Amino acid sequence: MNEGQEQEHSPLHSRITQARDRRASGWRRLLLGVGGGVLLAAVAGGGLWLGLYLARHDAPDDTAPPSASTPVTTSSDSAPPSSTTGTPPTPSNATPPPVTSSTTPPSGNAAADAEDRRARFQAALREFERTREVDLARINSAPVPGPRAARARIALNKQKALAAFDDGDADAAHRLLNDAAREAADVLRDAKAHYQRRVRAAKAAYDADDAETAQLHITQAREQWPGGADAKQWAARIKQLPEALADREKAERARAAGDFHAEQAALRRLAERDSSDAGVQSRLRAIDEHLREREFGQVIARGWRAVDDADPDSAARALAEAERRRPHHEETRRLKTGLAAFTTSRDRDRHLADAARATARDDWPAALRAFEAAGALTPTRREAAEGRHLASRVTDAQKAVDDFLSRPDRLGTPAVAEAARRTLRDAAPLLEHSPRLTAGHAALARAVRAGQTPVPIRVLSDNQTEIGIRGVGVIGRIDQRVIELRPGAYVFEGTRKGYRSKLVAVNVSSGDGAAAEVRVVCDERI
């Protein structure tokens, strides 16, 4: 080992320095012994042998051949250091391998071989201190049964190994260090087993709802390994066990009383503490479903009450909530159908009321529109169909009568008069439903009679003009003449040779008996 490596490990460097000092002191004593022996030989004759004896026991023999035993190899004992938190460390080797011969054959250089054995021991020592001693330190204060004597033997073997190394026996040092590592692995294994037993016991007590026993076991486990992750987790759960037991009792009482909301609240607190409890999760799902079903039923009932109370707005709000909760549920579809039927019935009744008001004020066109709207909502309702039929007949009759009365001059024509008489016959059965139709019917009857009564017409001319009435006949050359024509439109035509023809349109209407005058004279030469 070079000087820089010795300085990296000050304790080890100190021990090696002390060993070198003792070896130097031994050589000095050897020289002194030899000198003293020479002197004593002269005096007592045996001093030389005494000096050689002292030198042999005080100074190491660096030139001695390699021992049959080899130093402890570093590869078999090497292991990464355990974490100071989390799961308890597992010993890197529960049973370290026995000392074997050197992995490298002797080089033939005694000094180099001795240095190699010392270097390998130093590496093994560093690994032991980095792993085994660190893990042992974590359980030194823990109440592990029976490791004190073992730890004392481990420490003693380490000290013996160091002493052997100081005395130059690296192979013996390596064997003693292996013994210490093997016993350390046993102690760590036992400590881990003790820790795991305590955790299991705490879990069993927790499952049995025994908070006091669970707390006792988990405390012992945490004292064994304060950083153990599973012990830490169980400690948190055990700490909440009294509250969990209280919530479980509340949930049971609420269930017995049928108070689902209180039971749900208690179970949710339990689930927050332990989400892995399948029984709590299952009961929570059942309660949630029951409450959803009950609340849904309340919404449906509220909707039907609104329908019965003729409150479509409230019914529509209840239906919207039901569709949000359970859109495909049978009760949702039934409420939707019921609300639609109610709305249809309401609108139909409103249209029928509008029709009744329209007939009362003799407004049959408005009544017809209302009956048609009611019939579109409920086509099979007899009331709407019969009302629409009557309103249509009255409206058609009124229109026909009004059309004839708007052109009474046409009623003198036989065909028109006959059509008017048919209208009067068709409207007769409807007169009781419409005062306006009754009045129009009477007026048309009078107009038909007047249209068939001739009206006197006085025709004036110059005895030179030939007069005729288109479609009626010839009057001839006259000075004046009174003729009779039925009410209507007529065209008088006058002709005279050398003069332009004269056309005179006359609208004959029923009069009061006095003759109307028409003058027809051709007085414009060609």
Protein backbone atom coordinates (compact mmCIF):
# COMPACT_ATOMS: atom_id res chain seq x y z
CA MET A 1 0.00 0.00 0.00
CA ASN A 2 1.38 3.43 -0.83
CA GLU A 3 1.38 6.43 1.45
CA GLY A 4 -1.68 8.08 -0.20
CA GLN A 5 -3.82 4.98 0.40
CA GLU A 6 -2.79 4.89 4.06
CA GLN A 7 -3.84 8.51 4.51
CA GLU A 8 -7.32 7.81 3.06
CA HIS A 9 -8.07 5.56 6.10
CA SER A 10 -6.59 7.25 9.14
CA PRO A 11 -7.38 4.48 11.71
CA LEU A 12 -5.89 1.86 9.48
CA HIS A 13 -2.94 4.16 8.68
CA SER A 14 -2.30 4.62 12.38
CA ARG A 15 -2.25 0.88 12.99
CA ILE A 16 0.09 0.29 10.05
CA THR A 17 2.41 3.09 11.21
CA GLN A 18 2.47 1.62 14.68
CA ALA A 19 3.36 -1.75 13.22
CA ARG A 20 6.25 -0.25 11.26
CA ASP A 21 7.49 1.54 14.37
CA ARG A 22 7.45 -1.69 16.31
CA ARG A 23 9.36 -3.45 13.53
CA ALA A 24 12.01 -0.67 13.53
CA SER A 25 12.19 -0.89 17.32
CA GLY A 26 12.62 -4.62 17.04
CA TRP A 27 15.62 -4.26 14.74
CA ARG A 28 17.13 -1.76 17.11
CA ARG A 29 16.60 -4.15 19.96
CA LEU A 30 18.12 -6.85 17.83
CA LEU A 31 21.27 -4.79 17.27
CA LEU A 32 21.37 -3.88 20.91
CA GLY A 33 20.89 -7.50 21.81
CA VAL A 34 23.75 -8.55 19.57
CA GLY A 35 26.01 -5.84 21.00
CA GLY A 36 24.89 -6.71 24.47
CA GLY A 37 25.49 -10.36 23.75
CA VAL A 38 29.05 -9.68 22.69
CA LEU A 39 29.60 -7.66 25.80
CA LEU A 40 27.89 -10.19 28.01
CA ALA A 41 29.80 -13.02 26.32
CA ALA A 42 32.88 -11.45 27.54
CA VAL A 43 31.35 -11.13 30.95
CA ALA A 44 28.92 -14.01 31.40
CA GLY A 45 29.34 -16.09 28.27
CA GLY A 46 25.56 -16.24 27.37
CA GLY A 47 24.43 -12.71 26.52
CA LEU A 48 24.35 -13.31 22.77
CA TRP A 49 21.68 -15.95 23.01
CA LEU A 50 19.57 -13.73 25.21
CA GLY A 51 19.73 -10.85 22.70
CA LEU A 52 18.70 -13.13 19.83
CA TYR A 53 15.75 -14.44 21.85
CA LEU A 54 14.49 -10.94 22.59
CA ALA A 55 14.84 -9.85 18.97
CA ARG A 56 12.87 -12.86 17.70
CA HIS A 57 9.91 -12.13 19.90
CA ASP A 58 9.79 -8.36 19.32
CA ALA A 59 10.40 -7.99 15.57
CA PRO A 60 8.27 -9.44 12.70
CA ASP A 61 10.00 -11.51 10.09
CA ASP A 62 9.35 -9.67 6.81
CA THR A 63 11.47 -12.12 4.96
CA ALA A 64 9.50 -15.18 6.04
CA PRO A 65 7.92 -17.25 3.22
CA PRO A 66 4.17 -16.95 2.47
CA SER A 67 1.89 -18.84 4.79
CA ALA A 68 -0.16 -21.71 3.49
CA SER A 69 -3.28 -19.65 4.35
CA THR A 70 -4.20 -16.72 2.10
CA PRO A 71 -5.71 -13.36 3.08
CA VAL A 72 -9.48 -12.90 3.11
CA THR A 73 -10.67 -12.11 -0.42
CA THR A 74 -12.67 -8.91 -0.81
CA SER A 75 -15.04 -10.13 -3.50
CA SER A 76 -16.83 -12.66 -1.29
CA ASP A 77 -17.65 -10.16 1.45
CA SER A 78 -18.45 -7.12 -0.67
CA ALA A 79 -22.05 -5.87 -0.62
CA PRO A 80 -23.66 -2.45 -1.14
CA PRO A 81 -24.49 -0.62 2.08
CA SER A 82 -28.00 -1.01 3.36
CA SER A 83 -30.27 2.02 3.31
CA THR A 84 -30.81 3.69 6.63
CA THR A 85 -34.58 3.76 5.97
CA GLY A 86 -37.17 1.40 4.51
CA THR A 87 -37.07 -2.35 4.71
CA PRO A 88 -34.60 -3.80 7.28
CA PRO A 89 -31.24 -4.65 5.69
CA THR A 90 -30.72 -8.18 4.54
CA PRO A 91 -27.22 -9.49 5.41
CA SER A 92 -25.03 -9.43 2.33
CA ASN A 93 -23.86 -12.97 3.07
CA ALA A 94 -25.52 -14.94 5.83
CA THR A 95 -22.63 -17.38 5.70
CA PRO A 96 -19.42 -15.91 4.25
CA PRO A 97 -17.30 -18.35 2.27
CA PRO A 98 -14.41 -20.00 4.08
CA VAL A 99 -10.86 -18.80 3.69
CA THR A 100 -9.38 -20.13 0.47
CA SER A 101 -5.97 -20.04 -1.00
CA SER A 102 -4.85 -16.85 -2.71
CA THR A 103 -6.45 -16.21 -6.05
CA THR A 104 -3.03 -15.28 -7.38
CA PRO A 105 -0.14 -17.73 -7.04
CA PRO A 106 2.93 -16.59 -5.18
CA SER A 107 5.06 -14.43 -7.35
CA GLY A 108 8.25 -15.69 -5.83
CA ASN A 109 8.83 -12.27 -4.34
CA ALA A 110 8.15 -12.63 -0.63
CA ALA A 111 7.88 -8.89 0.02
CA ALA A 112 5.40 -8.42 -2.87
CA ASP A 113 3.25 -11.38 -1.78
CA ALA A 114 3.14 -10.14 1.79
CA GLU A 115 2.13 -6.66 0.60
CA ASP A 116 -0.62 -8.17 -1.58
CA ARG A 117 -2.03 -10.14 1.38
CA ARG A 118 -2.04 -6.99 3.51
CA ALA A 119 -3.76 -4.99 0.75
CA ARG A 120 -6.52 -7.59 0.38
CA PHE A 121 -7.10 -7.67 4.10
CA GLN A 122 -7.35 -3.89 4.18
CA ALA A 123 -9.96 -3.98 1.38
CA ALA A 124 -11.95 -6.65 3.25
CA LEU A 125 -11.75 -4.58 6.42
CA ARG A 126 -13.08 -1.50 4.66
CA GLU A 127 -15.96 -3.50 3.22
CA PHE A 128 -16.76 -4.99 6.63
CA GLU A 129 -16.83 -1.57 8.25
CA ARG A 130 -18.91 -0.13 5.40
CA THR A 131 -21.62 -2.82 5.45
CA ARG A 132 -21.69 -5.15 8.44
CA GLU A 133 -20.79 -2.59 11.08
CA VAL A 134 -23.21 -0.01 9.63
CA ASP A 135 -26.06 -2.54 9.75
CA LEU A 136 -25.09 -3.68 13.24
CA ALA A 137 -25.04 -0.09 14.46
CA ARG A 138 -28.67 0.26 13.47
CA ILE A 139 -29.72 -2.50 15.83
CA ASN A 140 -27.27 -1.87 18.64
CA SER A 141 -29.89 -0.07 20.72
CA ALA A 142 -32.76 -2.27 19.64
CA PRO A 143 -34.23 -4.83 22.03
CA VAL A 144 -33.13 -7.84 19.99
CA PRO A 145 -33.00 -10.96 22.14
CA GLY A 146 -29.56 -12.49 22.55
CA PRO A 147 -27.27 -10.50 20.18
CA ARG A 148 -25.12 -8.82 22.87
CA ALA A 149 -22.71 -11.73 23.27
CA ALA A 150 -22.56 -12.14 19.50
CA ARG A 151 -21.78 -8.46 19.02
CA ALA A 152 -19.05 -8.78 21.66
CA ARG A 153 -17.55 -11.74 19.76
CA ILE A 154 -17.77 -9.80 16.50
CA ALA A 155 -15.92 -6.87 18.04
CA LEU A 156 -13.37 -9.19 19.62
CA ASN A 157 -12.74 -11.04 16.34
CA LYS A 158 -12.28 -7.74 14.57
CA GLN A 159 -9.79 -6.62 17.20
CA LYS A 160 -7.97 -9.96 16.95
CA ALA A 161 -7.89 -9.55 13.18
CA LEU A 162 -6.36 -6.12 13.54
CA ALA A 163 -3.85 -7.43 16.08
CA ALA A 164 -2.94 -10.30 13.75
CA PHE A 165 -2.54 -7.84 10.93
CA ASP A 166 -0.36 -5.65 13.14
CA ASP A 167 1.73 -8.72 13.91
CA GLY A 168 2.18 -9.32 10.19
CA ASP A 169 -0.13 -12.38 9.93
CA ALA A 170 -2.53 -11.22 7.19
CA ASP A 171 -3.95 -14.70 6.66
CA ALA A 172 -4.94 -15.05 10.30
CA ALA A 173 -6.34 -11.53 10.20
CA HIS A 174 -8.44 -12.45 7.19
CA ARG A 175 -9.80 -15.61 8.90
CA LEU A 176 -10.73 -13.70 12.02
CA LEU A 177 -12.45 -10.99 9.95
CA ASN A 178 -14.42 -13.70 8.12
CA ASP A 179 -15.54 -15.06 11.49
CA ALA A 180 -16.73 -11.59 12.50
CA ALA A 181 -18.60 -11.10 9.18
CA ARG A 182 -20.27 -14.54 9.48
CA GLU A 183 -21.51 -13.86 13.00
CA ALA A 184 -22.66 -10.35 11.99
CA ALA A 185 -24.76 -11.88 9.19
CA ASP A 186 -26.35 -14.24 11.73
CA VAL A 187 -27.16 -11.36 14.08
CA LEU A 188 -28.67 -9.32 11.26
CA ARG A 189 -30.74 -12.28 10.07
CA ASP A 190 -32.10 -12.88 13.56
CA ALA A 191 -32.85 -9.18 13.98
CA LYS A 192 -34.72 -9.07 10.70
CA ALA A 193 -36.75 -12.15 11.65
CA HIS A 194 -37.60 -10.54 15.00
CA TYR A 195 -38.70 -7.35 13.20
CA GLN A 196 -40.89 -9.22 10.76
CA ARG A 197 -42.50 -11.27 13.54
CA ARG A 198 -43.41 -8.08 15.36
CA VAL A 199 -44.95 -6.56 12.19
CA ARG A 200 -46.97 -9.71 11.54
CA ALA A 201 -48.15 -9.78 15.15
CA ALA A 202 -49.17 -6.12 14.91
CA LYS A 203 -51.14 -6.82 11.72
CA ALA A 204 -52.88 -9.81 13.29
CA ALA A 205 -53.86 -7.71 16.31
CA TYR A 206 -55.07 -4.95 13.97
CA ASP A 207 -57.23 -7.42 12.05
CA ALA A 208 -58.65 -8.57 15.38
CA ASP A 209 -59.43 -4.92 16.32
CA ASP A 210 -57.02 -5.15 19.27
CA ALA A 211 -55.51 -1.67 19.15
CA GLU A 212 -53.50 -2.00 22.37
CA THR A 213 -51.71 -5.23 21.36
CA ALA A 214 -51.17 -3.97 17.82
CA GLN A 215 -49.58 -0.79 19.18
CA LEU A 216 -47.29 -2.82 21.45
CA HIS A 217 -46.02 -5.02 18.60
CA ILE A 218 -45.56 -2.20 16.11
CA THR A 219 -43.67 -0.16 18.70
CA GLN A 220 -41.27 -3.07 19.20
CA ALA A 221 -40.87 -3.41 15.44
CA ARG A 222 -40.08 0.27 15.02
CA GLU A 223 -37.62 0.12 17.87
CA GLN A 224 -36.02 -2.79 16.00
CA TRP A 225 -35.74 -0.79 12.78
CA PRO A 226 -36.99 2.81 13.19
CA GLY A 227 -36.86 3.43 9.45
CA GLY A 228 -38.82 0.34 8.38
CA ALA A 229 -41.38 1.43 5.77
CA ASP A 230 -43.95 -1.32 6.46
CA ALA A 231 -43.76 -0.72 10.21
CA LYS A 232 -44.22 3.00 9.63
CA GLN A 233 -47.30 2.38 7.48
CA TRP A 234 -48.84 -0.01 9.97
CA ALA A 235 -48.07 2.39 12.82
CA ALA A 236 -50.15 5.07 11.05
CA ARG A 237 -53.06 2.64 10.53
CA ILE A 238 -52.90 1.32 14.08
CA LYS A 239 -52.90 4.87 15.43
CA GLN A 240 -56.23 5.43 13.67
CA LEU A 241 -57.70 2.10 14.76
CA PRO A 242 -59.67 3.49 17.75
CA GLU A 243 -61.31 6.08 15.50
CA ALA A 244 -61.93 3.40 12.87
CA LEU A 245 -63.60 1.17 15.47
CA ALA A 246 -65.77 4.08 16.55
CA ASP A 247 -66.79 4.77 12.93
CA ARG A 248 -67.51 1.08 12.39
CA GLU A 249 -69.79 1.10 15.42
CA LYS A 250 -71.52 4.26 14.12
CA ALA A 251 -72.02 2.61 10.75
CA GLU A 252 -73.55 -0.48 12.37
CA ARG A 253 -75.93 1.59 14.51
CA ALA A 254 -76.95 3.71 11.51
CA ARG A 255 -77.57 0.59 9.46
CA ALA A 256 -79.76 -0.89 12.17
CA ALA A 257 -81.73 2.39 12.32
CA GLY A 258 -82.06 2.61 8.55
CA ASP A 259 -80.14 5.91 8.45
CA PHE A 260 -78.31 5.40 5.17
CA HIS A 261 -76.78 8.88 5.07
CA ALA A 262 -75.17 8.47 8.51
CA GLU A 263 -73.95 4.99 7.60
CA GLN A 264 -72.55 6.31 4.34
CA ALA A 265 -70.64 9.08 6.12
CA ALA A 266 -69.09 6.65 8.63
CA LEU A 267 -68.13 4.16 5.92
CA ARG A 268 -66.52 6.87 3.83
CA ARG A 269 -64.30 7.82 6.75
CA LEU A 270 -63.33 4.15 7.09
CA ALA A 271 -62.56 3.94 3.37
CA GLU A 272 -60.38 7.02 3.56
CA ARG A 273 -58.30 5.36 6.25
CA ASP A 274 -58.11 1.97 4.54
CA SER A 275 -59.09 1.83 0.86
CA SER A 276 -58.25 -1.89 0.71
CA ASP A 277 -61.18 -2.95 2.94
CA ALA A 278 -63.32 -4.82 0.41
CA GLY A 279 -66.28 -5.13 2.80
CA VAL A 280 -66.45 -1.38 3.39
CA GLN A 281 -66.11 -0.67 -0.33
CA SER A 282 -68.87 -3.15 -1.20
CA ARG A 283 -71.27 -1.74 1.40
CA LEU A 284 -70.51 1.80 0.25
CA ARG A 285 -71.39 0.88 -3.32
CA ALA A 286 -74.64 -0.72 -2.16
CA ILE A 287 -75.60 2.36 -0.11
CA ASP A 288 -74.69 4.72 -2.92
CA GLU A 289 -76.85 2.75 -5.33
CA HIS A 290 -79.73 2.61 -2.84
CA LEU A 291 -79.60 6.35 -2.20
CA ARG A 292 -79.40 7.09 -5.92
CA GLU A 293 -82.42 4.86 -6.50
CA ARG A 294 -84.36 6.49 -3.69
CA GLU A 295 -83.54 10.01 -4.83
CA PHE A 296 -84.47 9.07 -8.38
CA GLY A 297 -87.82 7.78 -7.14
CA GLN A 298 -88.40 11.07 -5.33
CA VAL A 299 -87.72 13.00 -8.53
CA ILE A 300 -90.20 10.82 -10.45
CA ALA A 301 -92.85 11.29 -7.75
CA ARG A 302 -92.31 15.05 -7.81
CA GLY A 303 -92.82 15.04 -11.57
CA TRP A 304 -96.09 13.15 -11.39
CA ARG A 305 -97.41 15.46 -8.66
CA ALA A 306 -96.67 18.41 -10.93
CA VAL A 307 -98.59 16.72 -13.77
CA ASP A 308 -101.56 16.10 -11.47
CA ASP A 309 -101.42 19.73 -10.29
CA ALA A 310 -101.37 20.98 -13.91
CA ASP A 311 -97.94 22.52 -13.36
CA PRO A 312 -96.06 21.69 -16.57
CA ASP A 313 -93.03 23.84 -15.71
CA SER A 314 -92.34 21.94 -12.48
CA ALA A 315 -93.01 18.65 -14.25
CA ALA A 316 -90.53 19.59 -16.99
CA ARG A 317 -87.84 20.39 -14.40
CA ALA A 318 -88.41 17.04 -12.69
CA LEU A 319 -88.20 15.26 -16.04
CA ALA A 320 -84.91 17.02 -16.88
CA GLU A 321 -83.42 15.86 -13.56
CA ALA A 322 -84.68 12.31 -14.10
CA GLU A 323 -83.11 12.23 -17.57
CA ARG A 324 -79.83 13.47 -16.10
CA ARG A 325 -79.83 10.76 -13.42
CA ARG A 326 -81.18 7.80 -15.42
CA PRO A 327 -82.04 8.70 -19.00
CA HIS A 328 -82.93 5.14 -20.09
CA HIS A 329 -84.92 4.12 -17.03
CA GLU A 330 -88.49 2.95 -17.58
CA GLU A 331 -89.86 5.45 -15.04
CA THR A 332 -88.11 8.28 -16.89
CA ARG A 333 -89.77 7.23 -20.15
CA ARG A 334 -93.15 6.97 -18.46
CA LEU A 335 -92.85 10.43 -16.93
CA LYS A 336 -91.83 11.84 -20.30
CA THR A 337 -94.84 10.20 -21.95
CA GLY A 338 -97.13 11.42 -19.19
CA LEU A 339 -95.84 14.99 -19.42
CA ALA A 340 -96.24 14.93 -23.21
CA ALA A 341 -99.82 13.64 -22.87
CA PHE A 342 -100.56 16.31 -20.30
CA THR A 343 -99.11 19.03 -22.51
CA THR A 344 -101.07 17.75 -25.51
CA SER A 345 -104.27 17.61 -23.54
CA ARG A 346 -103.68 21.08 -22.15
CA ASP A 347 -102.99 22.56 -25.57
CA ARG A 348 -105.98 20.75 -27.09
CA ASP A 349 -108.29 22.07 -24.40
CA ARG A 350 -106.93 25.56 -24.96
CA HIS A 351 -107.64 25.34 -28.70
CA LEU A 352 -111.15 24.00 -28.04
CA ALA A 353 -111.78 26.90 -25.65
CA ASP A 354 -110.59 29.33 -28.33
CA ALA A 355 -112.97 27.68 -30.81
CA ALA A 356 -115.88 27.97 -28.40
CA ARG A 357 -115.19 31.68 -27.87
CA ALA A 358 -114.92 32.22 -31.64
CA THR A 359 -118.30 30.55 -32.31
CA ALA A 360 -119.86 32.61 -29.53
CA ARG A 361 -118.85 35.83 -31.29
CA ASP A 362 -119.87 34.32 -34.70
CA ASP A 363 -116.26 34.31 -35.95
CA TRP A 364 -116.34 30.99 -37.75
CA PRO A 365 -113.03 31.38 -39.62
CA ALA A 366 -111.24 31.77 -36.24
CA ALA A 367 -113.24 28.85 -34.85
CA LEU A 368 -112.18 26.72 -37.82
CA ARG A 369 -108.49 27.49 -37.17
CA ALA A 370 -108.87 26.59 -33.49
CA PHE A 371 -110.70 23.33 -34.24
CA GLU A 372 -108.01 22.39 -36.77
CA ALA A 373 -105.25 23.03 -34.18
CA ALA A 374 -107.06 20.88 -31.62
CA GLY A 375 -107.58 18.12 -34.17
CA ALA A 376 -103.85 18.11 -35.08
CA LEU A 377 -103.00 17.34 -31.45
CA THR A 378 -105.66 14.68 -30.96
CA PRO A 379 -106.90 13.52 -34.37
CA THR A 380 -109.20 10.91 -32.87
CA ARG A 381 -111.09 13.30 -30.59
CA ARG A 382 -114.71 13.51 -31.83
CA GLU A 383 -115.26 16.95 -30.38
CA ALA A 384 -112.48 18.53 -32.42
CA ALA A 385 -113.49 16.67 -35.62
CA GLU A 386 -117.17 17.62 -35.37
CA GLY A 387 -116.33 21.21 -34.50
CA ARG A 388 -113.97 21.45 -37.48
CA HIS A 389 -116.64 20.03 -39.82
CA LEU A 390 -119.33 22.49 -38.66
CA ALA A 391 -116.99 25.46 -38.71
CA SER A 392 -115.89 24.55 -42.23
CA ARG A 393 -119.51 24.38 -43.50
CA VAL A 394 -120.53 27.66 -41.89
CA THR A 395 -117.39 29.40 -43.17
CA ASP A 396 -117.93 28.09 -46.74
CA ALA A 397 -121.62 29.10 -46.68
CA GLN A 398 -120.80 32.61 -45.49
CA LYS A 399 -118.20 33.01 -48.21
CA ALA A 400 -120.59 31.84 -50.95
CA VAL A 401 -123.40 34.17 -49.78
CA ASP A 402 -120.97 37.08 -49.57
CA ASP A 403 -119.74 36.37 -53.11
CA PHE A 404 -123.28 36.57 -54.55
CA LEU A 405 -124.15 39.67 -52.57
CA SER A 406 -120.98 41.40 -53.78
CA ARG A 407 -122.35 41.18 -57.43
CA PRO A 408 -126.14 41.33 -57.21
CA ASP A 409 -126.36 42.44 -60.85
CA ARG A 410 -125.47 38.94 -61.93
CA LEU A 411 -128.50 37.45 -60.26
CA GLY A 412 -130.67 38.40 -63.25
CA THR A 413 -128.84 35.71 -65.21
CA PRO A 414 -130.78 32.46 -64.87
CA ALA A 415 -127.68 30.31 -64.30
CA VAL A 416 -126.33 32.64 -61.66
CA ALA A 417 -129.74 32.87 -60.01
CA GLU A 418 -129.95 29.09 -59.89
CA ALA A 419 -126.50 28.84 -58.28
CA ALA A 420 -127.56 31.41 -55.68
CA ARG A 421 -130.69 29.43 -54.89
CA ARG A 422 -128.57 26.26 -54.35
CA THR A 423 -126.37 28.23 -51.93
CA LEU A 424 -129.47 29.35 -50.06
CA ARG A 425 -130.68 25.75 -49.76
CA ASP A 426 -127.27 24.51 -48.51
CA ALA A 427 -126.98 27.30 -45.94
CA ALA A 428 -130.47 26.88 -44.54
CA PRO A 429 -129.54 24.13 -41.99
CA LEU A 430 -126.69 26.27 -40.66
CA LEU A 431 -128.62 29.42 -39.92
CA GLU A 432 -129.14 28.48 -36.28
CA HIS A 433 -125.35 28.53 -35.69
CA SER A 434 -124.55 31.94 -37.20
CA PRO A 435 -126.55 35.14 -36.99
CA ARG A 436 -124.31 36.64 -39.66
CA LEU A 437 -125.06 33.77 -42.02
CA THR A 438 -128.75 34.15 -41.28
CA ALA A 439 -128.65 37.83 -42.25
CA GLY A 440 -126.66 37.12 -45.41
CA HIS A 441 -129.01 34.33 -46.34
CA ALA A 442 -132.03 36.66 -46.13
CA ALA A 443 -130.25 39.36 -48.14
CA LEU A 444 -129.30 36.90 -50.86
CA ALA A 445 -132.83 35.55 -51.05
CA ARG A 446 -134.11 39.08 -51.60
CA ALA A 447 -131.45 39.74 -54.18
CA VAL A 448 -132.39 36.57 -56.08
CA ARG A 449 -136.02 37.60 -56.13
CA ALA A 450 -135.16 41.11 -57.21
CA GLY A 451 -132.91 39.76 -59.93
CA GLN A 452 -135.82 37.90 -61.46
CA THR A 453 -138.21 40.95 -61.40
CA PRO A 454 -138.12 43.09 -64.65
CA VAL A 455 -137.23 46.75 -64.31
CA PRO A 456 -138.71 49.42 -66.69
CA ILE A 457 -136.12 51.14 -68.91
CA ARG A 458 -137.01 54.22 -71.12
CA VAL A 459 -134.98 54.17 -74.35
CA LEU A 460 -134.56 57.52 -76.21
CA SER A 461 -133.29 57.95 -79.83
CA ASP A 462 -133.71 60.12 -83.06
CA ASN A 463 -135.79 57.75 -85.23
CA GLN A 464 -132.72 57.45 -87.50
CA THR A 465 -130.61 55.12 -85.37
CA GLU A 466 -131.23 51.39 -85.44
CA ILE A 467 -131.12 50.21 -81.80
CA GLY A 468 -130.49 46.71 -80.45
CA ILE A 469 -129.51 45.08 -77.10
CA ARG A 470 -126.72 42.61 -77.39
CA GLY A 471 -127.82 39.18 -76.27
CA VAL A 472 -131.41 40.30 -75.83
CA GLY A 473 -132.94 41.55 -79.13
CA VAL A 474 -133.69 44.46 -81.51
CA ILE A 475 -135.63 47.57 -80.57
CA GLY A 476 -135.46 49.29 -83.99
CA ARG A 477 -135.75 53.02 -84.93
CA ILE A 478 -137.60 54.82 -82.23
CA ASP A 479 -138.02 58.22 -80.75
CA GLN A 480 -138.59 56.70 -77.28
CA ARG A 481 -139.90 53.50 -75.84
CA VAL A 482 -140.23 51.88 -72.40
CA ILE A 483 -138.97 48.32 -72.16
CA GLU A 484 -138.49 45.90 -69.19
CA LEU A 485 -135.23 44.25 -68.36
CA ARG A 486 -134.22 42.05 -65.43
CA PRO A 487 -131.45 43.42 -63.25
CA GLY A 488 -128.08 42.89 -64.85
CA ALA A 489 -125.52 44.40 -67.18
CA TYR A 490 -126.57 45.19 -70.74
CA VAL A 491 -125.02 46.81 -73.84
CA PHE A 492 -127.24 48.93 -76.13
CA GLU A 493 -125.92 49.26 -79.69
CA GLY A 494 -126.97 51.98 -82.24
CA THR A 495 -126.13 51.88 -85.94
CA ARG A 496 -126.86 54.38 -88.81
CA LYS A 497 -125.58 54.41 -92.33
CA GLY A 498 -122.76 56.93 -92.79
CA TYR A 499 -122.25 57.26 -89.05
CA ARG A 500 -120.13 55.55 -86.49
CA SER A 501 -121.85 52.88 -84.33
CA LYS A 502 -122.78 53.81 -80.79
CA LEU A 503 -122.36 51.46 -77.77
CA VAL A 504 -123.98 52.27 -74.41
CA ALA A 505 -123.38 50.02 -71.34
CA VAL A 506 -126.18 49.94 -68.81
CA ASN A 507 -126.20 48.26 -65.37
CA VAL A 508 -129.81 47.51 -64.50
CA SER A 509 -130.53 46.99 -60.86
CA SER A 510 -133.68 46.37 -58.98
CA GLY A 511 -135.35 49.69 -58.45
CA ASP A 512 -138.32 51.32 -56.84
CA GLY A 513 -140.56 51.13 -59.93
CA ALA A 514 -139.46 54.38 -61.69
CA ALA A 515 -138.11 53.82 -65.25
CA ALA A 516 -134.47 54.51 -65.94
CA GLU A 517 -133.55 56.31 -69.19
CA VAL A 518 -131.05 55.26 -71.86
CA ARG A 519 -130.28 57.48 -74.90
CA VAL A 520 -128.78 55.88 -77.99
CA VAL A 521 -128.10 58.19 -81.03
CA CYS A 522 -125.48 57.83 -83.80
CA ASP A 523 -124.45 61.44 -84.46
CA GLU A 524 -120.77 61.08 -85.52
CA ARG A 525 -120.25 60.84 -89.29
CA ILE A 526 -117.73 58.60 -90.80
